[in-house]
Structures are given as structure tokens and as C-alpha cells.
C-alpha atoms as a PDB file:
ATOM      1  CA  MET A   1       0.000   0.000  -0.002  1.00  0.00           C
ATOM      2  CA  LEU A   2       2.280   2.772   1.282  1.00  0.00           C
ATOM      3  CA  ASP A   3       5.746   2.240  -0.061  1.00  0.00           C
ATOM      4  CA  GLY A   4       8.534   4.133  -1.705  1.00  0.00           C
ATOM      5  CA  TRP A   5       8.210   7.806  -2.491  1.00  0.00           C
ATOM      6  CA  PHE A   6       4.585   8.100  -1.329  1.00  0.00           C
ATOM      7  CA  LEU A   7       5.461   6.896   2.200  1.00  0.00           C
ATOM      8  CA  ILE A   8       8.320   9.388   2.389  1.00  0.00           C
ATOM      9  CA  PHE A   9       6.010  12.164   1.151  1.00  0.00           C
ATOM     10  CA  ILE A  10       3.404  11.346   3.822  1.00  0.00           C
ATOM     11  CA  LEU A  11       6.021  11.239   6.600  1.00  0.00           C
ATOM     12  CA  CYS A  12       7.523  14.568   5.504  1.00  0.00           C
ATOM     13  CA  TRP A  13       4.052  16.110   5.324  1.00  0.00           C
ATOM     14  CA  VAL A  14       3.297  14.913   8.884  1.00  0.00           C
ATOM     15  CA  VAL A  15       6.529  16.486  10.144  1.00  0.00           C
ATOM     16  CA  VAL A  16       5.744  19.774   8.360  1.00  0.00           C
ATOM     17  CA  LEU A  17       2.198  19.885   9.777  1.00  0.00           C
ATOM     18  CA  ILE A  18       3.324  19.141  13.332  1.00  0.00           C
ATOM     19  CA  THR A  19       6.013  21.842  13.047  1.00  0.00           C
ATOM     20  CA  LEU A  20       3.567  24.428  11.720  1.00  0.00           C
ATOM     21  CA  PHE A  21       0.993  23.593  14.407  1.00  0.00           C
ATOM     22  CA  GLY A  22       3.695  23.943  17.052  1.00  0.00           C
ATOM     23  CA  ILE A  23       4.819  27.331  15.776  1.00  0.00           C
ATOM     24  CA  GLY A  24       1.245  28.601  15.496  1.00  0.00           C
ATOM     25  CA  GLY A  25       0.384  27.258  18.941  1.00  0.00           C
ATOM     26  CA  PHE A  26       3.410  28.999  20.444  1.00  0.00           C
ATOM     27  CA  PHE A  27       2.347  32.407  19.105  1.00  0.00           C
ATOM     28  CA  MET A  28      -1.279  31.856  20.062  1.00  0.00           C
ATOM     29  CA  PHE A  29      -0.207  30.925  23.592  1.00  0.00           C
ATOM     30  CA  ARG A  30       1.911  34.085  23.877  1.00  0.00           C
ATOM     31  CA  LYS A  31      -1.061  36.185  22.772  1.00  0.00           C
ATOM     32  CA  PHE A  32      -3.234  34.346  25.311  1.00  0.00           C
ATOM     33  CA  LEU A  33      -0.778  35.132  28.117  1.00  0.00           C
ATOM     34  CA  LYS A  34      -0.778  38.833  27.168  1.00  0.00           C
ATOM     35  CA  ARG A  35      -4.585  38.847  27.397  1.00  0.00           C
ATOM     36  CA  LEU A  36      -4.669  37.380  30.916  1.00  0.00           C
ATOM     37  CA  PRO A  37      -5.621  39.988  33.528  1.00  0.00           C
ATOM     38  CA  LYS A  38      -2.981  40.985  36.062  1.00  0.00           C
ATOM     39  CA  GLU A  39      -3.515  41.921  39.726  1.00  0.00           C
ATOM     40  CA  ASP A  40      -5.096  45.243  38.729  1.00  0.00           C
ATOM     41  CA  GLY A  41      -7.697  43.501  36.573  1.00  0.00           C
ATOM     42  CA  LYS A  42      -6.269  44.662  33.241  1.00  0.00           C
ATOM     43  CA  SER A  43      -4.035  42.752  30.870  1.00  0.00           C
ATOM     44  CA  ASP A  44      -0.891  44.064  29.165  1.00  0.00           C
ATOM     45  CA  MET A  45      -2.862  44.539  25.950  1.00  0.00           C
ATOM     46  CA  ASP A  46      -5.630  46.407  27.804  1.00  0.00           C
ATOM     47  CA  TRP A  47      -3.039  48.840  29.195  1.00  0.00           C
ATOM     48  CA  GLU A  48      -1.506  49.293  25.736  1.00  0.00           C
ATOM     49  CA  GLU A  49      -4.911  50.172  24.321  1.00  0.00           C
ATOM     50  CA  TYR A  50      -5.619  52.498  27.255  1.00  0.00           C
ATOM     51  CA  TYR A  51      -2.389  54.462  26.722  1.00  0.00           C
ATOM     52  CA  VAL A  52      -2.942  54.691  22.964  1.00  0.00           C
ATOM     53  CA  GLN A  53      -6.499  55.986  23.425  1.00  0.00           C
ATOM     54  CA  LYS A  54      -5.535  58.489  26.140  1.00  0.00           C
ATOM     55  CA  THR A  55      -2.757  60.023  24.049  1.00  0.00           C
ATOM     56  CA  LYS A  56      -4.131  59.797  20.504  1.00  0.00           C
ATOM     57  CA  ASP A  57      -4.886  63.536  20.478  1.00  0.00           C
ATOM     58  CA  LEU A  58      -1.256  64.371  21.302  1.00  0.00           C
ATOM     59  CA  TRP A  59       0.090  62.933  18.034  1.00  0.00           C
ATOM     60  CA  THR A  60       0.750  65.172  15.043  1.00  0.00           C
ATOM     61  CA  ASP A  61       1.066  63.898  11.466  1.00  0.00           C
ATOM     62  CA  GLU A  62       4.816  64.509  11.573  1.00  0.00           C
ATOM     63  CA  GLN A  63       5.168  62.419  14.732  1.00  0.00           C
ATOM     64  CA  LYS A  64       3.090  59.613  13.201  1.00  0.00           C
ATOM     65  CA  LYS A  65       5.421  59.625  10.206  1.00  0.00           C
ATOM     66  CA  LEU A  66       8.394  59.433  12.579  1.00  0.00           C
ATOM     67  CA  LEU A  67       6.796  56.449  14.327  1.00  0.00           C
ATOM     68  CA  ASP A  68       6.237  54.762  10.960  1.00  0.00           C
ATOM     69  CA  GLU A  69       9.876  55.416  10.097  1.00  0.00           C
ATOM     70  CA  LEU A  70      11.040  53.992  13.434  1.00  0.00           C
ATOM     71  CA  VAL A  71       9.113  50.738  12.948  1.00  0.00           C
ATOM     72  CA  SER A  72      10.187  50.333   9.323  1.00  0.00           C
ATOM     73  CA  PRO A  73      12.928  47.761  10.196  1.00  0.00           C
ATOM     74  CA  VAL A  74      10.244  45.451  11.616  1.00  0.00           C
ATOM     75  CA  PRO A  75       9.065  42.827   9.097  1.00  0.00           C
ATOM     76  CA  GLU A  76       5.826  43.818   7.356  1.00  0.00           C
ATOM     77  CA  LEU A  77       3.864  40.993   8.981  1.00  0.00           C
ATOM     78  CA  PHE A  78       4.581  42.263  12.520  1.00  0.00           C
ATOM     79  CA  ARG A  79       4.794  46.002  11.822  1.00  0.00           C
ATOM     80  CA  ASP A  80       1.242  46.926  12.922  1.00  0.00           C
ATOM     81  CA  VAL A  81       1.646  45.066  16.209  1.00  0.00           C
ATOM     82  CA  ALA A  82       5.027  46.721  16.807  1.00  0.00           C
ATOM     83  CA  ARG A  83       3.627  50.166  15.954  1.00  0.00           C
ATOM     84  CA  HIS A  84       0.762  49.697  18.429  1.00  0.00           C
ATOM     85  CA  LYS A  85       3.060  48.410  21.169  1.00  0.00           C
ATOM     86  CA  ILE A  86       5.522  51.273  20.710  1.00  0.00           C
ATOM     87  CA  ALA A  87       2.712  53.862  20.560  1.00  0.00           C
ATOM     88  CA  GLY A  88       1.339  52.395  23.805  1.00  0.00           C
ATOM     89  CA  LYS A  89       4.705  52.712  25.538  1.00  0.00           C
ATOM     90  CA  ILE A  90       5.154  56.264  24.226  1.00  0.00           C
ATOM     91  CA  GLY A  91       1.681  57.050  25.575  1.00  0.00           C
ATOM     92  CA  GLU A  92       2.621  55.589  28.953  1.00  0.00           C
ATOM     93  CA  VAL A  93       5.778  57.709  29.089  1.00  0.00           C
ATOM     94  CA  ALA A  94       3.773  60.795  28.063  1.00  0.00           C
ATOM     95  CA  LEU A  95       1.149  60.232  30.763  1.00  0.00           C
ATOM     96  CA  VAL A  96       3.774  59.621  33.443  1.00  0.00           C
ATOM     97  CA  LYS A  97       5.573  62.847  32.444  1.00  0.00           C
ATOM     98  CA  LYS A  98       2.187  64.626  32.150  1.00  0.00           C
ATOM     99  CA  VAL A  99       3.116  66.279  28.870  1.00  0.00           C
ATOM    100  CA  LYS A 100       0.662  68.492  27.016  1.00  0.00           C
ATOM    101  CA  ARG A 101       2.249  67.701  23.652  1.00  0.00           C
ATOM    102  CA  LEU A 102       4.439  64.857  22.462  1.00  0.00           C
ATOM    103  CA  ASP A 103       8.015  65.806  21.743  1.00  0.00           C
ATOM    104  CA  LEU A 104      10.988  63.956  20.279  1.00  0.00           C
ATOM    105  CA  ASP A 105      12.357  63.155  23.754  1.00  0.00           C
ATOM    106  CA  THR A 106       9.161  61.371  24.806  1.00  0.00           C
ATOM    107  CA  ILE A 107       8.935  59.463  21.538  1.00  0.00           C
ATOM    108  CA  ILE A 108      12.540  58.278  21.723  1.00  0.00           C
ATOM    109  CA  LYS A 109      12.206  57.192  25.367  1.00  0.00           C
ATOM    110  CA  GLY A 110       9.035  55.238  24.628  1.00  0.00           C
ATOM    111  CA  TYR A 111      10.597  53.709  21.522  1.00  0.00           C
ATOM    112  CA  ILE A 112      13.644  52.501  23.446  1.00  0.00           C
ATOM    113  CA  LEU A 113      11.563  51.149  26.348  1.00  0.00           C
ATOM    114  CA  ALA A 114       9.164  49.312  24.021  1.00  0.00           C
ATOM    115  CA  THR A 115      11.904  47.679  21.965  1.00  0.00           C
ATOM    116  CA  PRO A 116      13.103  44.270  23.188  1.00  0.00           C
ATOM    117  CA  LYS A 117      16.761  44.150  24.256  1.00  0.00           C
ATOM    118  CA  ARG A 118      17.605  41.720  21.444  1.00  0.00           C
ATOM    119  CA  ASP A 119      16.620  44.401  18.899  1.00  0.00           C
ATOM    120  CA  HIS A 120      18.587  47.285  20.398  1.00  0.00           C
ATOM    121  CA  LYS A 121      21.336  46.992  17.760  1.00  0.00           C
ATOM    122  CA  PHE A 122      18.712  47.584  15.027  1.00  0.00           C
ATOM    123  CA  LEU A 123      17.278  50.433  17.096  1.00  0.00           C
ATOM    124  CA  ARG A 124      20.692  52.094  17.346  1.00  0.00           C
ATOM    125  CA  LYS A 125      21.250  51.650  13.615  1.00  0.00           C
ATOM    126  CA  LYS A 126      17.883  53.218  12.786  1.00  0.00           C
ATOM    127  CA  MET A 127      18.566  56.157  15.113  1.00  0.00           C
ATOM    128  CA  ASP A 128      21.916  56.733  13.411  1.00  0.00           C
ATOM    129  CA  GLU A 129      20.179  56.707  10.001  1.00  0.00           C
ATOM    130  CA  LEU A 130      17.759  59.372  11.253  1.00  0.00           C
ATOM    131  CA  ASN A 131      20.617  61.436  12.776  1.00  0.00           C
ATOM    132  CA  ILE A 132      19.149  61.217  16.277  1.00  0.00           C
ATOM    133  CA  ASP A 133      21.685  61.504  19.082  1.00  0.00           C
ATOM    134  CA  ILE A 134      21.132  58.610  21.507  1.00  0.00           C
ATOM    135  CA  SER A 135      23.788  59.567  24.043  1.00  0.00           C
ATOM    136  CA  PRO A 136      21.215  61.144  26.437  1.00  0.00           C
ATOM    137  CA  TYR A 137      19.301  57.847  26.390  1.00  0.00           C
ATOM    138  CA  GLU A 138      22.153  55.411  27.073  1.00  0.00           C
ATOM    139  CA  HIS A 139      20.798  54.696  30.557  1.00  0.00           C
ATOM    140  CA  LEU A 140      17.625  53.266  28.977  1.00  0.00           C
ATOM    141  CA  PHE A 141      19.559  50.599  27.096  1.00  0.00           C
END
């Protein structure tokens, strides 16, 4: 019945399916963990959304373009998620500082804090491309 090339094809297909299900399950589980409420009753994603909504009136078109430029190194598939996460962290920084208007300092601080440590070399490279001095922010790395 199953012999030769067809058996090998079926076995390879099983391995591919199990691998893809594992990868998909991993990312779904991470998303599930981010949606779990913390001690305060809100999840990490709820707080992100809260900060974005509270500060959406502080953003100018120029600052939105800067944010788009800052997230441009992120692969297209993940760019919207990264943009939202970074905007949430910038909003958090803005609310903590109680600013009336977003400025470059607040955006850069939020961008650095929202970026995972493993991506800081790409962050530094992007800042150099945009001619933004990161020496005042070294303590955030």
C-alpha cells in the first residue's frame, strides 16, 4: 500500500504539519498570556490600548510619520503590532511625564523602552540613520 516515495512524502508532510501547528500554537499561547488579567484587573494589551487611546490627540502627522519610520525595520507581517506596542509605551511615558504635547524626547524614550533588548542593535542603527543623538538615552539601554 504505502511504499517508496509516497510513504516518504506522507512522513515529511506529517513532520511539516506538526512543526507548523507547534509554531502557530506557540504564538497563540503568547497572545493568550498577554490577554490574561494581572492583579489590577487589566491585561498588558488592555493597558496598551488604554495608553494609545488616552494620548491619541497628542500625536501630530509629523510624529506619526516618525513612528512609521522607526518601525520600518520590523518585518511587514509584525509592523502593525510593533507600531501599536511602541505607541502604547510612548503614551505611557507621556502620561507619566504629564506632557501636554508629544516631543521627540518622549517618543525616543518610549521607543527605546518598548523595543526588546535583542533588537537594540537595530534600534541604534535606525537612530543613526535618522541622525538622532542617543547619548542622552544610554541609561535606557
